[in-house]
Amino acid sequence: MSAGQLTVYVDGVAVQANPIESAAAVVLRIGLMPTRTTPASGEARAPYCMMGVCFECLMTIDGVASRQACLTPVREGMRIERQFGPRALT
C-alpha cells in the first residue's frame, strides 16, 4: 500500500483508495456498474452528477442503506455495497 492510501471494501473486495476520494469515486474508478437498481422498476443506475443533486449514487455504506456515495468521503475499513431493489424495512 502506498503512503497516504487506505483500504476500503467494495462488495467485500479490498480496494485501495485515496483519502480525498468519495465512495462513489472509488466505485467508478474500479468500474463496478451498476451501483444500484431502482426500487420500482429495477432499472440499473450509477453515480451521475457527483455533487449530491441527482441521488443516482445511493449505496449501502457501513451497513446504512441509501447513503449518497458521492458525498461520503472514504475512510479506512469503510464497507461500500451496491444496492439492488427496494431497501429492506426493519
Protein backbone atom coordinates (compact mmCIF):
# COMPACT_ATOMS: atom_id res chain seq x y z
CA MET A 1 0.00 0.00 0.00
CA SER A 2 1.35 3.44 -0.95
CA ALA A 3 1.81 6.22 1.58
CA GLY A 4 -1.48 8.02 2.10
CA GLN A 5 -3.53 5.13 0.70
CA LEU A 6 -6.19 3.34 2.68
CA THR A 7 -8.24 0.19 2.22
CA VAL A 8 -11.99 0.12 1.69
CA TYR A 9 -14.16 -2.89 0.89
CA VAL A 10 -16.43 -2.74 -2.14
CA ASP A 11 -18.91 -5.63 -2.16
CA GLY A 12 -16.48 -7.41 0.17
CA VAL A 13 -13.38 -6.95 -2.00
CA ALA A 14 -10.45 -4.92 -0.64
CA VAL A 15 -9.73 -1.84 -2.80
CA GLN A 16 -7.02 0.78 -2.37
CA ALA A 17 -8.38 4.31 -2.11
CA ASN A 18 -7.00 7.80 -1.84
CA PRO A 19 -8.21 9.69 1.26
CA ILE A 20 -9.55 12.52 -0.92
CA GLU A 21 -11.90 10.21 -2.88
CA SER A 22 -15.59 9.77 -2.25
CA ALA A 23 -17.14 6.31 -2.03
CA ALA A 24 -18.75 6.91 -5.46
CA ALA A 25 -15.41 7.93 -7.00
CA VAL A 26 -13.81 4.68 -5.83
CA VAL A 27 -16.63 2.59 -7.28
CA LEU A 28 -16.48 4.46 -10.60
CA ARG A 29 -12.69 4.13 -10.73
CA ILE A 30 -12.84 0.34 -10.37
CA GLY A 31 -15.64 0.15 -12.97
CA LEU A 32 -18.24 -1.57 -10.80
CA MET A 33 -21.54 -0.85 -12.55
CA PRO A 34 -24.42 -0.61 -11.92
CA THR A 35 -24.17 0.63 -8.35
CA ARG A 36 -27.88 0.23 -7.65
CA THR A 37 -31.24 -0.57 -9.18
CA THR A 38 -34.41 1.44 -8.77
CA PRO A 39 -36.91 0.10 -6.23
CA ALA A 40 -39.90 0.37 -8.58
CA SER A 41 -38.69 -0.86 -11.98
CA GLY A 42 -35.35 -2.48 -11.19
CA GLU A 43 -33.64 -0.24 -13.75
CA ALA A 44 -29.82 -0.03 -13.42
CA ARG A 45 -28.33 3.21 -12.10
CA ALA A 46 -24.85 4.61 -11.38
CA PRO A 47 -23.35 7.84 -9.98
CA TYR A 48 -24.07 10.74 -12.32
CA CYS A 49 -23.76 14.30 -11.05
CA MET A 50 -21.19 13.65 -8.29
CA MET A 51 -22.42 16.65 -6.29
CA GLY A 52 -25.42 15.31 -4.39
CA VAL A 53 -28.23 16.56 -6.60
CA CYS A 54 -29.44 13.54 -8.60
CA PHE A 55 -29.43 10.75 -5.94
CA GLU A 56 -28.29 8.16 -8.53
CA CYS A 57 -25.30 7.24 -6.33
CA LEU A 58 -27.30 5.72 -3.46
CA MET A 59 -25.39 2.80 -1.93
CA THR A 60 -25.16 0.93 1.35
CA ILE A 61 -22.20 2.31 3.30
CA ASP A 62 -21.12 0.71 6.57
CA GLY A 63 -24.49 -1.06 6.77
CA VAL A 64 -26.60 2.06 6.24
CA ALA A 65 -28.72 1.89 3.07
CA SER A 66 -29.47 4.75 0.68
CA ARG A 67 -26.41 6.86 1.51
CA GLN A 68 -25.28 9.36 -1.13
CA ALA A 69 -21.92 7.82 -2.05
CA CYS A 70 -20.78 10.94 -3.92
CA LEU A 71 -20.93 12.97 -0.69
CA THR A 72 -19.34 10.31 1.53
CA PRO A 73 -15.55 10.59 1.91
CA VAL A 74 -13.76 7.25 2.21
CA ARG A 75 -12.14 6.18 5.46
CA GLU A 76 -10.03 3.20 6.46
CA GLY A 77 -12.06 -0.01 6.56
CA MET A 78 -15.23 1.51 5.04
CA ARG A 79 -17.66 -1.05 3.61
CA ILE A 80 -19.34 0.03 0.39
CA GLU A 81 -22.05 -2.18 -1.11
CA ARG A 82 -24.16 -1.89 -4.21
CA GLN A 83 -27.86 -1.56 -3.51
CA PHE A 84 -30.31 -3.62 -5.54
CA GLY A 85 -34.08 -3.27 -5.33
CA PRO A 86 -36.02 -1.65 -2.51
CA ARG A 87 -34.45 -1.09 0.86
CA ALA A 88 -35.49 -3.62 3.49
CA LEU A 89 -37.56 -2.17 6.34
CA THR A 90 -36.63 -3.23 9.86
